Amino acid sequence: MSNLIGGLRRLPLLLAICFGGACLGATSQAQETPEPAAAAPQISNLDQLLDAVRQQQRRQRELNTRREQEFLRDKRRQEELLAQARRDFERRQQQNQPLVAVTGQNKTDIAVLEKQLQQLVQELGDLATTYHEFSGDFAAVLQASMITAQLPERSAELAALAGVREQPTIADIETLWLLLQQEMTEAGKVALFEAPVVAADGSASTATVLRVGTFSAYSDGDFLRYVPETGELLRLSRQPPARYRAEARAFSEQTGGVAPITVDPTHGNLLGMLAYTPGLQERIEQGGSIALIILFLGAFGLLLTLWRTLYLGFVYLRMKSQMRDLDSPRRSNPLGRVLGAVQGVSLDDEDILQLKLDEAVLAEIPALERGNGLIKLLAATSPLLGLLGTVTGMILTFQAISLFGTGDPKLMAGGISQALVTTVLGLVVAIPLLFGHSL
């Protein structure tokens, strides 16, 4: 009983706590809703508390109902939005399918075009490489061509084309083509033009030049040599033989028809070598003092041989005259003197006759063989002197090698020239003297 009374006493306190919690919950719920919160009623007894609790529960149910309605309304709106999004997605997919096909086709087309582009770029790259290589080589060909002396302006034009480092244009290729065609056309022509000609002393003067293709050039009958390094025509200090110069002069004066002309098929190399080819006097000078001695001995031997030839010829004529008149021997010829020596000797005495003939013939032999031994000596000495010059020249050559090495062949040329020239001179002198000795 006491417990029941105690519980009843605590009941108002519990109701107040519950009411306060409900008021707090209502206040917080009222803050969440846009409606303003009502003022808390004044509770003075349990009935008011019960009514307040009931009102609070009713408001709570209304609030929950309103929340559920809003939730359902939001849910329906979201479902509608989701359905709309799905419809839009499906529509976009339907629209995207042909675009995907177009995209795939475009990728295929792009791959094909990229492949074609690479081929074109490669072809253009090969074209540029070929152009640069050919223009550089062709520039060297034009610079070495004799036609450049007639058309000097094309060298600068081709140098500008060869200096192009980027992709060449159609105009560049056509210009290079034109220069190539011009070179081919002019190479088959005989042209007459005015150009500066450099003389052997270095002086330059304008002269009329005759050009035969790309081989040779002439001016006033003189042969000209084209110098690629300077692009000038040089008058050779040592010209070919006179017959070739006369031929060139006659060709330049020819007005029509066909005429012979001597050209240099090596484009001037042979003419350039002509300037460095030593003449006879220079060859003798290369042989040195030994060559002079050989020539002196050879000249002396040839004079002696000539004298013997004339003497023997004169003797032969007199002897031939004597043979026509054997009955009257004359002492002006060896046959007459031999016949005179046996004249008056009896033919029956053969021993005396033979002895007289032998004495007469032996007496004539020294006069007929006069100088023959000296010619033989000279013929034998000349090759030995040539051999001496050969040994001397080789000594000089080896000295040059020991001092300067083998880097410059010109340093050894002096000794080799002396060795060869003296050998040749010794043989040239000895061979005619041997024939002279046989007379």
Protein backbone atom coordinates (compact mmCIF):
# COMPACT_ATOMS: atom_id res chain seq x y z
CA MET A 1 0.00 0.00 0.00
CA SER A 2 2.79 2.30 0.88
CA ASN A 3 4.46 1.46 -2.39
CA LEU A 4 1.33 2.34 -4.32
CA ILE A 5 1.01 5.63 -2.54
CA GLY A 6 4.68 6.38 -3.23
CA GLY A 7 4.16 5.55 -6.90
CA LEU A 8 1.18 7.87 -7.11
CA ARG A 9 3.24 10.57 -5.61
CA ARG A 10 5.92 10.15 -8.22
CA LEU A 11 3.39 10.02 -11.06
CA PRO A 12 3.10 13.83 -11.50
CA LEU A 13 6.88 14.01 -11.69
CA LEU A 14 7.05 11.34 -14.39
CA LEU A 15 4.24 13.01 -16.33
CA ALA A 16 6.02 16.33 -16.11
CA ILE A 17 9.22 14.73 -17.42
CA CYS A 18 7.34 13.08 -20.28
CA PHE A 19 5.50 16.30 -21.07
CA GLY A 20 8.73 18.21 -21.03
CA GLY A 21 10.33 15.66 -23.35
CA ALA A 22 7.31 15.84 -25.60
CA CYS A 23 7.48 19.62 -25.58
CA LEU A 24 11.17 19.45 -26.48
CA GLY A 25 10.42 16.97 -29.26
CA ALA A 26 7.59 19.14 -30.51
CA THR A 27 9.83 22.18 -30.36
CA SER A 28 12.56 20.43 -32.36
CA GLN A 29 9.97 19.11 -34.82
CA ALA A 30 8.41 22.51 -35.09
CA GLN A 31 11.84 23.91 -35.92
CA GLU A 32 12.16 21.36 -38.76
CA THR A 33 8.75 22.41 -40.16
CA PRO A 34 8.03 25.83 -41.49
CA GLU A 35 5.11 26.28 -39.05
CA PRO A 36 5.85 28.38 -35.96
CA ALA A 37 5.99 26.55 -32.64
CA ALA A 38 3.01 27.10 -30.29
CA ALA A 39 3.60 28.34 -26.82
CA ALA A 40 3.80 25.63 -24.19
CA PRO A 41 0.48 25.47 -22.19
CA GLN A 42 0.45 25.95 -18.50
CA ILE A 43 -0.26 22.58 -16.84
CA SER A 44 -1.64 22.66 -13.36
CA ASN A 45 -3.20 19.18 -12.93
CA LEU A 46 -3.11 15.73 -14.41
CA ASP A 47 -6.06 16.24 -16.71
CA GLN A 48 -4.36 19.14 -18.39
CA LEU A 49 -1.24 17.05 -18.64
CA LEU A 50 -3.18 14.21 -20.24
CA ASP A 51 -4.81 16.59 -22.72
CA ALA A 52 -1.48 18.11 -23.53
CA VAL A 53 0.01 14.67 -24.14
CA ARG A 54 -2.88 13.74 -26.39
CA GLN A 55 -2.55 16.98 -28.36
CA GLN A 56 1.12 16.41 -28.67
CA GLN A 57 0.61 12.88 -29.98
CA ARG A 58 -1.98 14.15 -32.43
CA ARG A 59 0.36 16.82 -33.72
CA GLN A 60 3.10 14.24 -33.94
CA ARG A 61 0.90 11.94 -36.00
CA GLU A 62 -0.04 14.81 -38.29
CA LEU A 63 3.59 15.73 -38.67
CA ASN A 64 4.55 12.14 -39.44
CA THR A 65 1.69 11.88 -41.92
CA ARG A 66 2.83 15.05 -43.62
CA ARG A 67 6.38 13.74 -43.68
CA GLU A 68 5.27 10.47 -45.20
CA GLN A 69 3.31 12.33 -47.85
CA GLU A 70 6.29 14.52 -48.64
CA PHE A 71 8.55 11.48 -48.74
CA LEU A 72 6.17 9.65 -51.06
CA ARG A 73 5.84 12.73 -53.22
CA ASP A 74 9.62 13.09 -53.38
CA LYS A 75 9.93 9.38 -54.11
CA ARG A 76 7.44 9.63 -56.97
CA ARG A 77 9.31 12.67 -58.28
CA GLN A 78 12.61 10.79 -58.09
CA GLU A 79 11.07 7.80 -59.84
CA GLU A 80 9.80 10.11 -62.55
CA LEU A 81 13.23 11.72 -62.82
CA LEU A 82 14.86 8.27 -62.94
CA ALA A 83 12.46 7.13 -65.63
CA GLN A 84 13.07 10.33 -67.56
CA ALA A 85 16.82 9.83 -67.19
CA ARG A 86 16.49 6.25 -68.42
CA ARG A 87 14.43 7.39 -71.38
CA ASP A 88 17.01 10.07 -72.13
CA PHE A 89 19.80 7.51 -71.77
CA GLU A 90 18.06 5.10 -74.13
CA ARG A 91 17.46 7.92 -76.60
CA ARG A 92 21.08 8.97 -76.33
CA GLN A 93 22.17 5.39 -76.90
CA GLN A 94 19.98 5.16 -79.97
CA GLN A 95 21.46 8.41 -81.22
CA ASN A 96 24.99 7.27 -80.30
CA GLN A 97 24.90 3.97 -82.18
CA PRO A 98 25.23 5.51 -85.67
CA LEU A 99 27.81 7.93 -84.26
CA VAL A 100 29.83 4.99 -82.94
CA ALA A 101 29.72 3.44 -86.39
CA VAL A 102 30.75 6.76 -87.94
CA THR A 103 33.54 7.08 -85.36
CA GLY A 104 34.83 3.61 -86.22
CA GLN A 105 34.72 4.42 -89.92
CA ASN A 106 36.49 7.71 -89.25
CA LYS A 107 39.21 5.90 -87.32
CA THR A 108 39.66 3.53 -90.25
CA ASP A 109 39.76 6.45 -92.68
CA ILE A 110 42.23 8.30 -90.46
CA ALA A 111 44.52 5.25 -90.34
CA VAL A 112 44.41 4.98 -94.15
CA LEU A 113 45.06 8.69 -94.56
CA GLU A 114 47.91 8.61 -92.05
CA LYS A 115 49.47 5.73 -93.98
CA GLN A 116 49.11 7.66 -97.23
CA LEU A 117 50.55 10.73 -95.53
CA GLN A 118 53.55 8.76 -94.34
CA GLN A 119 54.12 7.45 -97.86
CA LEU A 120 53.86 10.95 -99.30
CA VAL A 121 56.16 12.34 -96.63
CA GLN A 122 58.64 9.54 -97.32
CA GLU A 123 58.46 10.21 -101.06
CA LEU A 124 58.95 13.91 -100.46
CA GLY A 125 61.83 13.12 -98.13
CA ASP A 126 63.42 10.91 -100.79
CA LEU A 127 62.82 13.65 -103.34
CA ALA A 128 64.46 16.25 -101.09
CA THR A 129 67.43 13.96 -100.42
CA THR A 130 67.84 13.22 -104.12
CA TYR A 131 67.53 16.92 -104.95
CA HIS A 132 70.18 17.97 -102.44
CA GLU A 133 72.60 15.21 -103.48
CA PHE A 134 72.12 15.81 -107.20
CA SER A 135 72.29 19.60 -106.91
CA GLY A 136 75.56 19.36 -104.98
CA ASP A 137 77.09 16.94 -107.47
CA PHE A 138 75.79 18.91 -110.45
CA ALA A 139 77.24 22.12 -109.02
CA ALA A 140 80.67 20.48 -109.02
CA VAL A 141 80.10 19.27 -112.61
CA LEU A 142 79.14 22.75 -113.78
CA GLN A 143 82.10 24.30 -112.03
CA ALA A 144 84.41 21.89 -113.86
CA SER A 145 82.64 22.39 -117.19
CA MET A 146 84.24 24.63 -119.81
CA ILE A 147 80.78 26.01 -120.62
CA THR A 148 80.91 27.96 -117.35
CA ALA A 149 83.54 30.23 -118.93
CA GLN A 150 80.89 31.20 -121.48
CA LEU A 151 77.96 31.32 -118.99
CA PRO A 152 79.50 32.33 -115.65
CA GLU A 153 76.20 33.55 -114.19
CA ARG A 154 74.76 30.05 -113.89
CA SER A 155 77.29 29.08 -111.21
CA ALA A 156 75.79 31.55 -108.73
CA GLU A 157 72.29 30.39 -109.64
CA LEU A 158 73.13 26.76 -109.08
CA ALA A 159 74.98 27.56 -105.86
CA ALA A 160 71.78 29.18 -104.55
CA LEU A 161 69.80 26.08 -105.51
CA ALA A 162 72.34 23.76 -103.88
CA GLY A 163 72.22 25.86 -100.70
CA VAL A 164 68.49 25.18 -100.16
CA ARG A 165 68.17 23.05 -97.01
CA GLU A 166 64.41 22.91 -96.67
CA GLN A 167 61.95 21.11 -98.93
CA PRO A 168 62.68 22.20 -102.54
CA THR A 169 59.88 23.89 -104.40
CA ILE A 170 58.65 23.09 -107.88
CA ALA A 171 60.39 26.23 -109.14
CA ASP A 172 63.72 25.04 -107.69
CA ILE A 173 63.39 21.64 -109.35
CA GLU A 174 62.42 23.21 -112.69
CA THR A 175 65.38 25.61 -112.51
CA LEU A 176 67.74 22.71 -111.83
CA TRP A 177 66.17 20.84 -114.73
CA LEU A 178 66.69 23.87 -117.00
CA LEU A 179 70.37 24.12 -116.04
CA LEU A 180 70.88 20.43 -116.70
CA GLN A 181 69.19 20.67 -120.10
CA GLN A 182 71.26 23.75 -120.92
CA GLU A 183 74.48 21.89 -120.06
CA MET A 184 73.49 18.95 -122.25
CA THR A 185 72.56 21.22 -125.16
CA GLU A 186 75.68 23.40 -125.00
CA ALA A 187 77.93 20.34 -124.69
CA GLY A 188 77.07 19.40 -128.27
CA LYS A 189 77.77 22.82 -129.78
CA VAL A 190 80.72 24.66 -131.27
CA ALA A 191 80.41 28.17 -129.83
CA LEU A 192 82.24 31.43 -130.46
CA PHE A 193 82.12 33.98 -127.62
CA GLU A 194 84.06 36.76 -125.92
CA ALA A 195 85.70 35.91 -122.61
CA PRO A 196 88.71 37.00 -120.53
CA VAL A 197 91.83 34.95 -121.27
CA VAL A 198 94.77 34.83 -118.85
CA ALA A 199 98.20 34.82 -120.48
CA ALA A 200 101.22 32.91 -119.22
CA ASP A 201 102.53 36.02 -117.44
CA GLY A 202 99.26 36.42 -115.50
CA SER A 203 97.81 39.31 -117.49
CA ALA A 204 94.16 39.00 -118.52
CA SER A 205 92.59 40.34 -121.69
CA THR A 206 89.28 39.84 -123.47
CA ALA A 207 89.60 37.66 -126.55
CA THR A 208 87.44 35.72 -128.97
CA VAL A 209 87.25 32.13 -127.78
CA LEU A 210 86.23 29.11 -129.83
CA ARG A 211 84.74 26.32 -127.73
CA VAL A 212 84.33 22.79 -129.07
CA GLY A 213 81.80 21.10 -126.79
CA THR A 214 83.24 20.66 -123.33
CA PHE A 215 86.58 19.38 -124.57
CA SER A 216 88.80 22.17 -125.86
CA ALA A 217 88.94 25.92 -126.33
CA TYR A 218 91.07 28.00 -128.69
CA SER A 219 91.94 31.65 -129.16
CA ASP A 220 93.93 32.95 -132.15
CA GLY A 221 95.06 29.40 -132.87
CA ASP A 222 96.41 28.90 -129.34
CA PHE A 223 95.09 26.14 -127.13
CA LEU A 224 93.39 27.28 -123.92
CA ARG A 225 92.98 25.38 -120.68
CA TYR A 226 89.97 25.89 -118.42
CA VAL A 227 90.78 26.30 -114.72
CA PRO A 228 87.76 25.13 -112.65
CA GLU A 229 89.02 26.71 -109.43
CA THR A 230 88.86 30.24 -110.86
CA GLY A 231 86.51 29.70 -113.82
CA GLU A 232 89.05 31.31 -116.17
CA LEU A 233 90.60 30.31 -119.48
CA LEU A 234 94.40 30.07 -119.39
CA ARG A 235 96.60 30.38 -122.47
CA LEU A 236 99.11 27.54 -122.28
CA SER A 237 102.72 28.61 -121.92
CA ARG A 238 103.75 25.57 -123.94
CA GLN A 239 101.56 24.99 -126.95
CA PRO A 240 101.15 21.77 -128.95
CA PRO A 241 103.08 21.42 -132.23
CA ALA A 242 102.52 24.03 -134.93
CA ARG A 243 100.40 21.76 -137.12
CA TYR A 244 97.76 21.50 -134.39
CA ARG A 245 97.74 25.25 -133.90
CA ALA A 246 97.37 25.81 -137.64
CA GLU A 247 94.53 23.32 -137.65
CA ALA A 248 92.80 25.20 -134.82
CA ARG A 249 93.26 28.54 -136.60
CA ALA A 250 91.81 27.14 -139.82
CA PHE A 251 88.87 25.66 -137.94
CA SER A 252 88.07 28.99 -136.27
CA GLU A 253 88.04 30.66 -139.69
CA GLN A 254 85.74 28.01 -141.14
CA THR A 255 82.29 29.44 -141.95
CA GLY A 256 80.49 26.20 -142.74
CA GLY A 257 80.80 22.57 -143.59
CA VAL A 258 83.02 20.04 -141.86
CA ALA A 259 86.61 20.69 -140.81
CA PRO A 260 89.11 18.66 -138.77
CA ILE A 261 90.05 19.82 -135.28
CA THR A 262 92.13 18.28 -132.52
CA VAL A 263 90.41 18.16 -129.13
CA ASP A 264 91.46 17.04 -125.69
CA PRO A 265 89.11 14.19 -124.67
CA THR A 266 90.26 14.51 -121.05
CA HIS A 267 88.76 18.02 -120.79
CA GLY A 268 92.12 19.75 -120.51
CA ASN A 269 94.10 17.23 -118.49
CA LEU A 270 96.37 16.31 -121.39
CA LEU A 271 96.99 19.96 -122.19
CA GLY A 272 97.78 20.56 -118.54
CA MET A 273 100.29 17.73 -118.61
CA LEU A 274 101.82 19.23 -121.73
CA ALA A 275 102.91 22.26 -119.73
CA TYR A 276 104.80 20.00 -117.33
CA THR A 277 106.31 17.74 -120.00
CA PRO A 278 110.01 18.63 -120.37
CA GLY A 279 111.45 19.24 -123.80
CA LEU A 280 114.70 17.93 -125.26
CA GLN A 281 116.84 20.63 -123.70
CA GLU A 282 115.22 20.10 -120.31
CA ARG A 283 115.76 16.36 -120.60
CA ILE A 284 119.44 16.92 -121.29
CA GLU A 285 119.65 19.27 -118.32
CA GLN A 286 118.05 16.59 -116.15
CA GLY A 287 120.87 14.21 -117.13
CA GLY A 288 123.47 16.55 -115.71
CA SER A 289 127.15 16.64 -116.65
CA ILE A 290 127.23 12.95 -117.54
CA ALA A 291 124.59 13.53 -120.21
CA LEU A 292 126.71 16.32 -121.70
CA ILE A 293 129.76 14.04 -121.82
CA ILE A 294 127.74 11.32 -123.54
CA LEU A 295 126.40 13.79 -126.08
CA PHE A 296 129.90 15.14 -126.76
CA LEU A 297 131.26 11.65 -127.31
CA GLY A 298 128.27 10.79 -129.45
CA ALA A 299 128.70 13.91 -131.58
CA PHE A 300 132.39 13.16 -132.02
CA GLY A 301 131.66 9.54 -132.92
CA LEU A 302 128.97 10.56 -135.40
CA LEU A 303 131.32 13.04 -137.07
CA LEU A 304 133.98 10.38 -137.26
CA THR A 305 131.49 7.91 -138.70
CA LEU A 306 130.34 10.49 -141.22
CA TRP A 307 133.94 11.15 -142.24
CA ARG A 308 134.60 7.42 -142.66
CA THR A 309 131.43 7.04 -144.68
CA LEU A 310 132.43 9.84 -147.02
CA TYR A 311 136.01 8.56 -147.26
CA LEU A 312 134.94 5.00 -148.01
CA GLY A 313 132.42 6.25 -150.53
CA PHE A 314 135.09 8.29 -152.27
CA VAL A 315 137.43 5.28 -152.28
CA TYR A 316 134.66 3.09 -153.65
CA LEU A 317 134.02 5.44 -156.55
CA ARG A 318 137.72 5.54 -157.46
CA MET A 319 138.04 1.79 -157.21
CA LYS A 320 134.99 1.35 -159.42
CA SER A 321 136.57 3.65 -161.97
CA GLN A 322 139.78 1.65 -161.71
CA MET A 323 137.94 -1.61 -162.35
CA ARG A 324 136.91 -0.33 -165.76
CA ASP A 325 140.58 0.13 -166.68
CA LEU A 326 142.64 -2.61 -165.02
CA ASP A 327 145.43 -2.36 -167.55
CA SER A 328 146.36 1.15 -166.41
CA PRO A 329 146.60 1.09 -162.60
CA ARG A 330 146.45 4.47 -160.86
CA ARG A 331 147.84 5.23 -157.43
CA SER A 332 144.84 7.39 -156.51
CA ASN A 333 142.91 4.35 -155.25
CA PRO A 334 143.78 1.22 -153.24
CA LEU A 335 142.99 -1.15 -156.12
CA GLY A 336 145.32 0.74 -158.44
CA ARG A 337 148.09 0.68 -155.87
CA VAL A 338 147.68 -3.09 -155.34
CA LEU A 339 147.73 -3.68 -159.09
CA GLY A 340 150.79 -1.44 -159.37
CA ALA A 341 152.57 -3.48 -156.68
CA VAL A 342 152.26 -6.72 -158.65
CA GLN A 343 152.84 -5.11 -162.03
CA GLY A 344 155.92 -6.65 -163.64
CA VAL A 345 155.82 -9.84 -161.54
CA SER A 346 155.65 -13.01 -163.54
CA LEU A 347 152.46 -14.96 -163.23
CA ASP A 348 154.45 -18.16 -163.16
CA ASP A 349 156.02 -17.27 -159.85
CA GLU A 350 152.92 -17.69 -157.65
CA ASP A 351 154.70 -17.38 -154.32
CA ILE A 352 156.19 -14.02 -155.15
CA LEU A 353 152.89 -12.86 -156.60
CA GLN A 354 151.02 -13.91 -153.47
CA LEU A 355 153.57 -12.20 -151.27
CA LYS A 356 153.34 -8.97 -153.24
CA LEU A 357 149.55 -9.00 -153.07
CA ASP A 358 149.56 -9.60 -149.32
CA GLU A 359 151.99 -6.78 -148.75
CA ALA A 360 149.98 -4.38 -150.90
CA VAL A 361 146.65 -5.30 -149.25
CA LEU A 362 148.10 -5.03 -145.75
CA ALA A 363 149.48 -1.64 -146.64
CA GLU A 364 146.01 -0.42 -147.67
CA ILE A 365 144.10 -1.79 -144.64
CA PRO A 366 145.26 0.84 -142.07
CA ALA A 367 144.03 3.67 -144.25
CA LEU A 368 140.69 1.99 -144.83
CA GLU A 369 140.18 1.17 -141.12
CA ARG A 370 141.37 4.52 -139.85
CA GLY A 371 139.06 5.72 -136.99
CA ASN A 372 137.15 2.45 -136.80
CA GLY A 373 138.72 1.45 -133.50
CA LEU A 374 137.88 4.82 -131.98
CA ILE A 375 134.27 4.44 -133.07
CA LYS A 376 134.17 1.03 -131.40
CA LEU A 377 135.60 2.54 -128.23
CA LEU A 378 133.00 5.29 -128.21
CA ALA A 379 130.19 2.78 -128.83
CA ALA A 380 131.35 0.75 -125.83
CA THR A 381 131.96 3.76 -123.58
CA SER A 382 128.59 5.46 -124.08
CA PRO A 383 126.45 2.75 -122.36
CA LEU A 384 128.96 2.60 -119.52
CA LEU A 385 128.63 6.34 -119.02
CA GLY A 386 124.84 5.90 -119.12
CA LEU A 387 125.14 3.24 -116.44
CA LEU A 388 127.29 5.61 -114.41
CA GLY A 389 124.57 8.26 -114.70
CA THR A 390 121.98 5.68 -113.63
CA VAL A 391 123.93 4.81 -110.50
CA THR A 392 124.51 8.49 -109.72
CA GLY A 393 120.81 9.26 -110.15
CA MET A 394 119.79 6.39 -107.88
CA ILE A 395 122.22 7.63 -105.24
CA LEU A 396 120.58 11.05 -105.39
CA THR A 397 117.16 9.42 -105.17
CA PHE A 398 118.03 7.43 -102.07
CA GLN A 399 119.56 10.51 -100.48
CA ALA A 400 116.29 12.37 -101.03
CA ILE A 401 114.35 9.45 -99.53
CA SER A 402 116.60 9.34 -96.47
CA LEU A 403 116.27 13.09 -95.93
CA PHE A 404 112.62 13.76 -96.79
CA GLY A 405 110.96 10.34 -96.91
CA THR A 406 108.64 9.12 -99.64
CA GLY A 407 105.82 11.59 -99.03
CA ASP A 408 106.61 13.85 -101.98
CA PRO A 409 107.49 12.04 -105.23
CA LYS A 410 108.76 15.30 -106.76
CA LEU A 411 111.75 15.24 -104.43
CA MET A 412 112.82 11.92 -105.96
CA ALA A 413 112.06 12.92 -109.54
CA GLY A 414 115.42 14.64 -110.08
CA GLY A 415 117.53 11.57 -109.33
CA ILE A 416 115.22 9.25 -111.26
CA SER A 417 115.25 11.60 -114.26
CA GLN A 418 119.04 11.69 -114.27
CA ALA A 419 119.19 7.91 -114.03
CA LEU A 420 116.80 7.37 -116.93
CA VAL A 421 118.03 10.17 -119.18
CA THR A 422 121.68 9.13 -119.02
CA THR A 423 120.74 5.52 -119.73
CA VAL A 424 118.70 6.55 -122.77
CA LEU A 425 121.42 8.87 -124.06
CA GLY A 426 124.06 6.16 -123.69
CA LEU A 427 121.99 3.72 -125.73
CA VAL A 428 121.02 6.35 -128.30
CA VAL A 429 124.71 7.16 -128.87
CA ALA A 430 125.95 3.56 -128.81
CA ILE A 431 123.51 2.07 -131.33
CA PRO A 432 124.40 4.34 -134.29
CA LEU A 433 128.10 4.05 -133.48
CA LEU A 434 127.86 0.27 -133.64
CA PHE A 435 126.38 0.54 -137.12
CA GLY A 436 129.14 2.99 -138.01
CA HIS A 437 131.76 0.55 -136.73
CA SER A 438 130.48 -2.11 -139.09
CA LEU A 439 131.36 0.00 -142.15
